[in-house]
N, C-alpha and C. Protein backbone atom coordinates (compact mmCIF):
# COMPACT_ATOMS: atom_id res chain seq x y z
N UNK A 1 54.05 -3.85 63.19
CA UNK A 1 53.01 -4.51 63.97
C UNK A 1 53.24 -6.01 63.90
N UNK A 2 53.15 -6.68 65.03
CA UNK A 2 53.30 -8.14 65.08
C UNK A 2 51.93 -8.80 65.06
N UNK A 3 51.87 -9.92 64.34
CA UNK A 3 50.62 -10.67 64.21
C UNK A 3 50.84 -12.15 64.51
N UNK A 4 49.80 -12.77 65.07
CA UNK A 4 49.76 -14.22 65.23
C UNK A 4 49.09 -14.81 64.00
N UNK A 5 49.58 -15.98 63.55
CA UNK A 5 49.01 -16.73 62.44
C UNK A 5 48.97 -18.21 62.82
N UNK A 6 47.93 -18.92 62.35
CA UNK A 6 47.79 -20.34 62.61
C UNK A 6 47.47 -21.06 61.31
N UNK A 7 48.33 -21.99 60.91
CA UNK A 7 48.05 -22.89 59.80
C UNK A 7 47.32 -24.09 60.38
N UNK A 8 46.36 -24.64 59.64
CA UNK A 8 45.62 -25.78 60.17
C UNK A 8 45.29 -26.81 59.09
N UNK A 9 45.11 -28.04 59.56
CA UNK A 9 44.76 -29.17 58.68
C UNK A 9 43.25 -29.25 58.51
N UNK A 10 42.82 -30.15 57.62
CA UNK A 10 41.39 -30.32 57.34
C UNK A 10 40.60 -30.73 58.58
N UNK A 11 41.23 -31.45 59.52
CA UNK A 11 40.52 -31.86 60.74
C UNK A 11 40.52 -30.77 61.82
N UNK A 12 41.09 -29.61 61.50
CA UNK A 12 41.08 -28.48 62.43
C UNK A 12 42.30 -28.39 63.32
N UNK A 13 43.16 -29.42 63.32
CA UNK A 13 44.34 -29.35 64.17
C UNK A 13 45.32 -28.31 63.62
N UNK A 14 46.00 -27.66 64.52
CA UNK A 14 46.96 -26.63 64.14
C UNK A 14 48.23 -27.32 63.66
N UNK A 15 48.69 -26.87 62.52
CA UNK A 15 49.84 -27.46 61.86
C UNK A 15 51.12 -26.79 62.34
N UNK A 16 52.04 -27.59 62.87
CA UNK A 16 53.33 -27.06 63.29
C UNK A 16 53.20 -26.03 64.39
N UNK A 17 54.16 -25.13 64.42
CA UNK A 17 54.16 -24.07 65.42
C UNK A 17 53.47 -22.83 64.83
N UNK A 18 52.60 -22.19 65.60
CA UNK A 18 52.01 -20.94 65.12
C UNK A 18 53.11 -19.92 64.85
N UNK A 19 52.80 -18.95 64.01
CA UNK A 19 53.76 -17.94 63.59
C UNK A 19 53.47 -16.62 64.30
N UNK A 20 54.52 -15.95 64.72
CA UNK A 20 54.42 -14.60 65.26
C UNK A 20 55.42 -13.76 64.49
N UNK A 21 54.92 -12.78 63.78
CA UNK A 21 55.81 -11.93 62.99
C UNK A 21 55.06 -10.76 62.38
N UNK A 22 55.72 -10.08 61.48
CA UNK A 22 55.14 -8.85 60.93
C UNK A 22 54.42 -9.05 59.61
N UNK A 23 54.13 -10.29 59.22
CA UNK A 23 53.40 -10.55 57.98
C UNK A 23 51.96 -10.03 58.09
N UNK A 24 51.50 -9.36 57.04
CA UNK A 24 50.12 -8.89 56.97
C UNK A 24 49.25 -9.80 56.11
N UNK A 25 49.93 -10.69 55.36
CA UNK A 25 49.23 -11.59 54.46
C UNK A 25 49.98 -12.92 54.47
N UNK A 26 49.25 -14.02 54.33
CA UNK A 26 49.88 -15.34 54.28
C UNK A 26 49.50 -15.98 52.95
N UNK A 27 50.48 -16.23 52.12
CA UNK A 27 50.19 -16.75 50.78
C UNK A 27 50.77 -18.13 50.51
N UNK A 28 51.72 -18.59 51.29
CA UNK A 28 52.38 -19.88 51.01
C UNK A 28 51.86 -20.97 51.95
N UNK A 29 50.65 -21.43 51.71
CA UNK A 29 50.04 -22.46 52.54
C UNK A 29 50.56 -23.81 52.07
N UNK A 30 51.18 -24.59 52.96
CA UNK A 30 51.69 -25.91 52.58
C UNK A 30 50.55 -26.82 52.11
N UNK A 31 50.84 -27.77 51.22
CA UNK A 31 49.80 -28.64 50.68
C UNK A 31 49.07 -29.48 51.73
N UNK A 32 49.73 -29.78 52.84
CA UNK A 32 49.08 -30.58 53.88
C UNK A 32 48.15 -29.76 54.78
N UNK A 33 48.04 -28.48 54.52
CA UNK A 33 47.16 -27.61 55.30
C UNK A 33 45.93 -27.24 54.47
N UNK A 34 44.83 -27.04 55.16
CA UNK A 34 43.61 -26.64 54.45
C UNK A 34 43.34 -25.15 54.58
N UNK A 35 44.09 -24.46 55.43
CA UNK A 35 43.86 -23.03 55.55
C UNK A 35 44.79 -22.37 56.54
N UNK A 36 44.58 -21.07 56.65
CA UNK A 36 45.36 -20.25 57.57
C UNK A 36 44.40 -19.31 58.28
N UNK A 37 44.63 -19.11 59.55
CA UNK A 37 43.79 -18.24 60.37
C UNK A 37 44.64 -17.10 60.89
N UNK A 38 44.24 -15.89 60.63
CA UNK A 38 44.97 -14.72 61.06
C UNK A 38 44.78 -13.61 60.06
N UNK A 39 45.36 -12.50 60.24
CA UNK A 39 46.25 -12.14 61.34
C UNK A 39 45.49 -11.69 62.59
N UNK A 40 46.13 -11.94 63.72
CA UNK A 40 45.63 -11.45 65.00
C UNK A 40 46.70 -10.52 65.55
N UNK A 41 46.40 -9.26 65.65
CA UNK A 41 47.34 -8.26 66.16
C UNK A 41 47.70 -8.58 67.61
N UNK A 42 48.98 -8.65 67.89
CA UNK A 42 49.47 -8.97 69.23
C UNK A 42 48.89 -8.00 70.27
N UNK A 43 48.80 -6.74 69.92
CA UNK A 43 48.35 -5.72 70.87
C UNK A 43 46.90 -5.91 71.30
N UNK A 44 46.08 -6.55 70.45
CA UNK A 44 44.67 -6.69 70.79
C UNK A 44 44.19 -8.13 70.74
N UNK A 45 45.10 -9.10 70.69
CA UNK A 45 44.73 -10.51 70.61
C UNK A 45 44.02 -10.97 71.88
N UNK A 46 43.01 -11.79 71.69
CA UNK A 46 42.26 -12.32 72.83
C UNK A 46 43.13 -13.29 73.62
N UNK A 47 42.67 -13.61 74.83
CA UNK A 47 43.38 -14.60 75.65
C UNK A 47 43.43 -15.94 74.95
N UNK A 48 42.36 -16.30 74.23
CA UNK A 48 42.33 -17.58 73.51
C UNK A 48 43.42 -17.63 72.44
N UNK A 49 43.60 -16.55 71.71
CA UNK A 49 44.64 -16.50 70.68
C UNK A 49 46.02 -16.60 71.32
N UNK A 50 46.24 -15.88 72.39
CA UNK A 50 47.53 -15.95 73.08
C UNK A 50 47.80 -17.35 73.63
N UNK A 51 46.77 -17.98 74.19
CA UNK A 51 46.93 -19.32 74.73
C UNK A 51 47.15 -20.34 73.61
N UNK A 52 46.43 -20.18 72.49
CA UNK A 52 46.61 -21.09 71.36
C UNK A 52 48.01 -20.95 70.78
N UNK A 53 48.56 -19.77 70.81
CA UNK A 53 49.94 -19.58 70.35
C UNK A 53 50.91 -20.33 71.27
N UNK A 54 50.68 -20.24 72.56
CA UNK A 54 51.56 -20.89 73.54
C UNK A 54 51.33 -22.41 73.61
N UNK A 55 50.09 -22.85 73.35
CA UNK A 55 49.72 -24.26 73.49
C UNK A 55 48.85 -24.70 72.31
N UNK A 56 49.40 -24.75 71.11
CA UNK A 56 48.59 -25.07 69.93
C UNK A 56 47.94 -26.45 69.98
N UNK A 57 48.52 -27.38 70.73
CA UNK A 57 47.97 -28.73 70.82
C UNK A 57 46.63 -28.75 71.55
N UNK A 58 46.29 -27.69 72.25
CA UNK A 58 45.03 -27.62 73.00
C UNK A 58 43.87 -27.08 72.17
N UNK A 59 44.13 -26.61 70.95
CA UNK A 59 43.12 -25.90 70.17
C UNK A 59 42.89 -26.52 68.81
N UNK A 60 41.69 -26.30 68.30
CA UNK A 60 41.31 -26.65 66.94
C UNK A 60 40.79 -25.39 66.25
N UNK A 61 40.84 -25.39 64.93
CA UNK A 61 40.19 -24.33 64.16
C UNK A 61 38.89 -24.91 63.64
N UNK A 62 37.78 -24.29 64.05
CA UNK A 62 36.45 -24.73 63.62
C UNK A 62 35.65 -23.51 63.19
N UNK A 63 35.14 -23.57 61.98
CA UNK A 63 34.33 -22.47 61.44
C UNK A 63 35.07 -21.14 61.53
N UNK A 64 36.37 -21.17 61.25
CA UNK A 64 37.16 -19.94 61.22
C UNK A 64 37.49 -19.36 62.59
N UNK A 65 37.36 -20.17 63.64
CA UNK A 65 37.66 -19.70 64.98
C UNK A 65 38.51 -20.71 65.73
N UNK A 66 39.29 -20.24 66.68
CA UNK A 66 40.04 -21.12 67.56
C UNK A 66 39.11 -21.61 68.66
N UNK A 67 39.08 -22.94 68.84
CA UNK A 67 38.21 -23.55 69.84
C UNK A 67 39.07 -24.45 70.70
N UNK A 68 38.96 -24.28 72.02
CA UNK A 68 39.72 -25.13 72.92
C UNK A 68 39.13 -26.53 72.92
N UNK A 69 40.00 -27.54 72.82
CA UNK A 69 39.54 -28.92 72.82
C UNK A 69 39.07 -29.30 74.23
N UNK A 70 38.08 -30.17 74.31
CA UNK A 70 37.61 -30.62 75.62
C UNK A 70 38.65 -31.47 76.33
């Protein structure tokens, strides 16, 4: 099963490129990140998750959710 993952900074910006792979757990969070959001199963991922994967610069992580920036 493939999953989307998003690492993010304290200000909610997505760090680097989102990950797409078969990881079920994310344990190696870089020190410059405040958290990780996922996994989101590719087969059932929302349009927002798919768009955030394609365009991470357009999204923030707020309260554990992906939010499109205005």
